Amino acid sequence: MSNVGIEQSVSVSLTNPAPRSILSGNNLPRVSSLSKASDRIPVLSAFEVKCLLLQISYMETGSNVAAIDGDRLGQYATSEYLLKKYGYKDDLGWTGLDGVDEQSIFLDTPSVQDKILETYIVENYTKLIQADAIRANDTKAVVAGMLAVAYQFQDAENPSLIQTGTISNEVLSLIQNEANSNYNVVKAKIWRDNGNQQDSKNRPAGLFFNAGKYAIQNLAANYTNT
């Protein structure tokens, strides 16, 4: 099994590492630990999942819950595709799920933004393991890094991107079974095996991998006030 992407990530500088003071802020994510999938794959605690969310938020938007960047909204730069996937929007607009019936409410409700990313992480933890993108004997830092990479490619399942050729034939050819049918998971695995994957903003996957590692090795390390 190859780890070219992880090896390449050593040369990628992490932009916007979250300061540890962020752990003392208000309205911190209320999340749960991941569920054990294997004796040989570590489980992130609730605090470690919280740190992962905080780092992604800080790197994407400076933790600005009201951020707007094109069709990406909130502190985690949640894409419109992901909002539709989890039922917050449909082709007619906002659905009212969790009380969110317009954009301004979404941007004023960090708990909903947290819920979406936590749901995504839980879902993709299992899928990454099934696709062999998270592997036996990985460290917690590697697990968090791969989860961050999967989120980086949150739009990779978007049919409009597939139709316009934004999703490469390499990715499409690997959609072979239910275990690896998520395009974002396949892209994460391709990156781990072969390196050289970027998102729609031309950011290298190694950037998000290093963000996940940082969440565990720096934000979460030796912090007792959880």
Protein backbone atom coordinates (compact mmCIF):
# COMPACT_ATOMS: atom_id res chain seq x y z
CA MET A 1 0.00 0.00 0.00
CA SER A 2 1.31 3.39 -1.01
CA ASN A 3 1.38 6.63 0.98
CA VAL A 4 2.72 9.04 -1.62
CA GLY A 5 0.27 11.79 -0.70
CA ILE A 6 1.13 11.63 2.98
CA GLU A 7 4.83 11.67 2.13
CA GLN A 8 4.32 14.71 -0.11
CA SER A 9 2.37 16.53 2.60
CA VAL A 10 5.59 17.05 4.56
CA SER A 11 6.51 19.79 2.09
CA VAL A 12 3.10 21.53 2.30
CA SER A 13 2.87 24.41 4.77
CA LEU A 14 -0.26 24.64 6.91
CA THR A 15 -1.98 27.99 6.45
CA ASN A 16 -4.09 29.44 9.26
CA PRO A 17 -3.40 27.01 12.10
CA ALA A 18 -5.93 27.69 14.82
CA PRO A 19 -4.52 29.12 18.08
CA ARG A 20 -5.13 27.04 21.18
CA SER A 21 -7.01 29.97 22.65
CA ILE A 22 -9.85 28.99 20.33
CA LEU A 23 -10.59 26.15 22.75
CA SER A 24 -11.70 28.71 25.33
CA GLY A 25 -14.15 30.43 23.02
CA ASN A 26 -17.92 30.57 23.14
CA ASN A 27 -20.30 28.32 21.19
CA LEU A 28 -17.79 25.52 20.71
CA PRO A 29 -19.06 22.52 18.72
CA ARG A 30 -20.93 19.93 20.78
CA VAL A 31 -19.99 16.66 19.17
CA SER A 32 -19.61 12.98 20.00
CA SER A 33 -16.72 10.59 19.64
CA LEU A 34 -16.49 8.40 16.57
CA SER A 35 -17.68 4.82 16.90
CA LYS A 36 -15.12 2.04 17.01
CA ALA A 37 -14.76 0.33 13.64
CA SER A 38 -11.74 -1.90 14.23
CA ASP A 39 -9.32 -2.80 16.99
CA ARG A 40 -6.50 -1.63 14.70
CA ILE A 41 -7.96 1.75 13.77
CA PRO A 42 -7.99 4.48 16.43
CA VAL A 43 -11.18 6.28 17.38
CA LEU A 44 -11.22 10.04 17.75
CA SER A 45 -12.64 11.22 21.05
CA ALA A 46 -15.35 13.86 21.20
CA PHE A 47 -12.71 16.44 22.11
CA GLU A 48 -10.54 15.44 19.16
CA VAL A 49 -13.51 15.68 16.79
CA LYS A 50 -14.20 19.12 18.25
CA CYS A 51 -10.61 20.16 17.57
CA LEU A 52 -10.87 18.90 13.99
CA LEU A 53 -14.01 20.98 13.41
CA LEU A 54 -12.38 24.03 14.96
CA GLN A 55 -9.30 23.74 12.77
CA ILE A 56 -11.30 23.30 9.57
CA SER A 57 -13.44 26.31 10.52
CA TYR A 58 -10.44 28.48 11.30
CA MET A 59 -8.59 27.52 8.13
CA GLU A 60 -11.59 27.93 5.85
CA THR A 61 -13.10 31.20 7.13
CA GLY A 62 -11.30 32.34 10.26
CA SER A 63 -14.21 30.77 12.18
CA ASN A 64 -16.67 33.25 10.67
CA VAL A 65 -20.11 31.64 11.03
CA ALA A 66 -21.60 34.23 8.66
CA ALA A 67 -19.03 33.74 5.89
CA ILE A 68 -20.22 33.71 2.28
CA ASP A 69 -17.95 32.59 -0.55
CA GLY A 70 -19.96 32.00 -3.69
CA ASP A 71 -22.25 29.05 -2.97
CA ARG A 72 -20.27 28.11 0.14
CA LEU A 73 -21.75 29.28 3.40
CA GLY A 74 -20.84 29.49 7.07
CA GLN A 75 -17.72 28.85 9.07
CA TYR A 76 -16.95 25.55 7.35
CA ALA A 77 -17.57 26.84 3.82
CA THR A 78 -20.39 24.32 3.43
CA SER A 79 -21.27 23.86 -0.23
CA GLU A 80 -24.77 24.10 -1.64
CA TYR A 81 -24.40 20.51 -2.78
CA LEU A 82 -23.80 19.38 0.80
CA LEU A 83 -26.73 21.42 2.08
CA LYS A 84 -28.94 19.60 -0.43
CA LYS A 85 -27.43 16.22 0.41
CA TYR A 86 -28.40 16.59 4.06
CA GLY A 87 -31.84 18.03 3.37
CA TYR A 88 -31.36 21.70 4.22
CA LYS A 89 -31.97 22.83 0.66
CA ASP A 90 -33.70 21.47 -2.41
CA ASP A 91 -34.17 22.82 -5.92
CA LEU A 92 -36.73 25.32 -4.59
CA GLY A 93 -34.54 26.69 -1.79
CA TRP A 94 -34.31 26.20 1.96
CA THR A 95 -36.48 23.39 3.33
CA GLY A 96 -36.92 24.50 6.95
CA LEU A 97 -35.02 21.53 8.38
CA ASP A 98 -33.87 22.32 11.94
CA GLY A 99 -35.69 25.63 11.62
CA VAL A 100 -33.46 26.86 8.79
CA ASP A 101 -35.79 28.33 6.18
CA GLU A 102 -33.52 31.04 4.80
CA GLN A 103 -29.84 31.77 4.37
CA SER A 104 -29.63 34.36 7.13
CA ILE A 105 -30.85 31.81 9.69
CA PHE A 106 -28.24 29.28 8.57
CA LEU A 107 -25.53 31.92 8.90
CA ASP A 108 -26.78 32.76 12.39
CA THR A 109 -26.98 29.16 13.62
CA PRO A 110 -23.53 27.69 14.27
CA SER A 111 -25.03 24.58 15.86
CA VAL A 112 -26.56 23.58 12.51
CA GLN A 113 -23.27 24.24 10.76
CA ASP A 114 -21.53 22.03 13.35
CA LYS A 115 -24.14 19.30 12.92
CA ILE A 116 -23.61 19.12 9.16
CA LEU A 117 -19.85 18.75 9.44
CA GLU A 118 -20.08 16.25 12.29
CA THR A 119 -22.55 14.17 10.26
CA TYR A 120 -20.21 14.31 7.30
CA ILE A 121 -17.23 13.21 9.40
CA VAL A 122 -19.09 10.28 10.96
CA GLU A 123 -20.35 9.13 7.56
CA ASN A 124 -16.97 9.45 5.87
CA TYR A 125 -15.00 7.80 8.68
CA THR A 126 -16.75 4.54 7.81
CA LYS A 127 -16.49 5.06 4.06
CA LEU A 128 -12.79 5.93 4.21
CA ILE A 129 -12.13 2.71 6.14
CA GLN A 130 -14.15 0.67 3.65
CA ALA A 131 -12.22 2.22 0.75
CA ASP A 132 -8.84 1.61 2.45
CA ALA A 133 -8.15 5.34 2.63
CA ILE A 134 -7.97 4.98 6.43
CA ARG A 135 -5.98 1.88 7.30
CA ALA A 136 -5.08 -0.44 10.12
CA ASN A 137 -2.39 0.99 12.39
CA ASP A 138 -2.95 4.58 11.25
CA THR A 139 -2.42 7.11 14.01
CA LYS A 140 -5.17 9.43 15.19
CA ALA A 141 -3.38 12.26 13.37
CA VAL A 142 -3.56 10.36 10.08
CA VAL A 143 -7.23 9.51 10.64
CA ALA A 144 -8.05 13.18 11.25
CA GLY A 145 -5.96 14.18 8.25
CA MET A 146 -7.83 11.83 5.94
CA LEU A 147 -11.18 13.05 7.28
CA ALA A 148 -10.12 16.61 6.52
CA VAL A 149 -9.11 15.61 2.98
CA ALA A 150 -12.50 13.96 2.45
CA TYR A 151 -14.17 17.20 3.53
CA GLN A 152 -11.93 19.21 1.24
CA PHE A 153 -13.48 17.30 -1.65
CA GLN A 154 -17.06 17.72 -0.35
CA ASP A 155 -18.24 18.81 -3.80
CA ALA A 156 -16.75 15.83 -5.60
CA GLU A 157 -20.10 14.02 -5.78
CA ASN A 158 -21.82 17.02 -7.32
CA PRO A 159 -23.44 15.80 -10.56
CA SER A 160 -22.90 19.18 -12.22
CA LEU A 161 -19.15 18.85 -11.70
CA ILE A 162 -19.18 15.34 -13.11
CA GLN A 163 -21.18 16.44 -16.15
CA THR A 164 -18.77 19.29 -16.91
CA GLY A 165 -15.72 17.05 -16.67
CA THR A 166 -14.37 18.59 -13.47
CA ILE A 167 -14.21 15.10 -11.96
CA SER A 168 -11.40 13.24 -13.67
CA ASN A 169 -11.77 9.95 -15.53
CA GLU A 170 -9.32 8.51 -13.00
CA VAL A 171 -11.86 9.07 -10.23
CA LEU A 172 -14.83 7.95 -12.29
CA SER A 173 -13.10 4.70 -13.21
CA LEU A 174 -12.67 3.79 -9.55
CA ILE A 175 -16.38 3.98 -8.70
CA GLN A 176 -16.78 0.22 -8.67
CA ASN A 177 -18.79 -0.75 -5.61
CA GLU A 178 -20.75 0.60 -2.68
CA ALA A 179 -17.71 0.71 -0.44
CA ASN A 180 -15.95 3.35 -2.52
CA SER A 181 -18.88 4.92 -4.36
CA ASN A 182 -18.39 8.37 -2.84
CA TYR A 183 -16.30 10.46 -5.19
CA ASN A 184 -14.78 12.45 -2.34
CA VAL A 185 -13.63 9.22 -0.67
CA VAL A 186 -12.15 7.94 -3.91
CA LYS A 187 -10.29 11.23 -4.42
CA ALA A 188 -8.95 10.99 -0.87
CA LYS A 189 -7.72 7.45 -1.52
CA ILE A 190 -6.15 8.44 -4.84
CA TRP A 191 -4.36 11.24 -3.05
CA ARG A 192 -3.06 8.94 -0.32
CA ASP A 193 -1.85 6.38 -2.86
CA ASN A 194 -0.52 8.67 -5.58
CA GLY A 195 -0.47 12.28 -4.33
CA ASN A 196 -1.08 15.34 -6.50
CA GLN A 197 -4.81 15.93 -5.88
CA GLN A 198 -6.20 19.47 -5.65
CA ASP A 199 -9.62 20.93 -4.98
CA SER A 200 -11.59 23.43 -7.09
CA LYS A 201 -9.58 26.27 -5.52
CA ASN A 202 -6.31 24.58 -6.50
CA ARG A 203 -5.42 23.86 -2.89
CA PRO A 204 -3.36 20.68 -2.45
CA ALA A 205 -4.87 17.84 -0.46
CA GLY A 206 -1.75 17.90 1.70
CA LEU A 207 -2.93 21.21 3.13
CA PHE A 208 -6.09 19.70 4.57
CA PHE A 209 -4.26 16.55 5.66
CA ASN A 210 -1.86 18.71 7.65
CA ALA A 211 -4.81 20.62 9.12
CA GLY A 212 -6.27 17.36 10.41
CA LYS A 213 -2.92 16.33 11.84
CA TYR A 214 -2.53 19.71 13.51
CA ALA A 215 -5.94 19.35 15.18
CA ILE A 216 -4.74 16.21 16.95
CA GLN A 217 -1.05 16.88 17.48
CA ASN A 218 -1.35 20.54 18.50
CA LEU A 219 -4.86 21.67 19.38
CA ALA A 220 -5.88 18.51 21.22
CA ALA A 221 -2.49 17.62 22.70
CA ASN A 222 -2.19 17.78 26.50
CA TYR A 223 -5.26 19.96 26.85
CA THR A 224 -7.19 19.18 30.01
CA ASN A 225 -9.99 21.79 29.98
CA THR A 226 -12.30 19.79 27.68
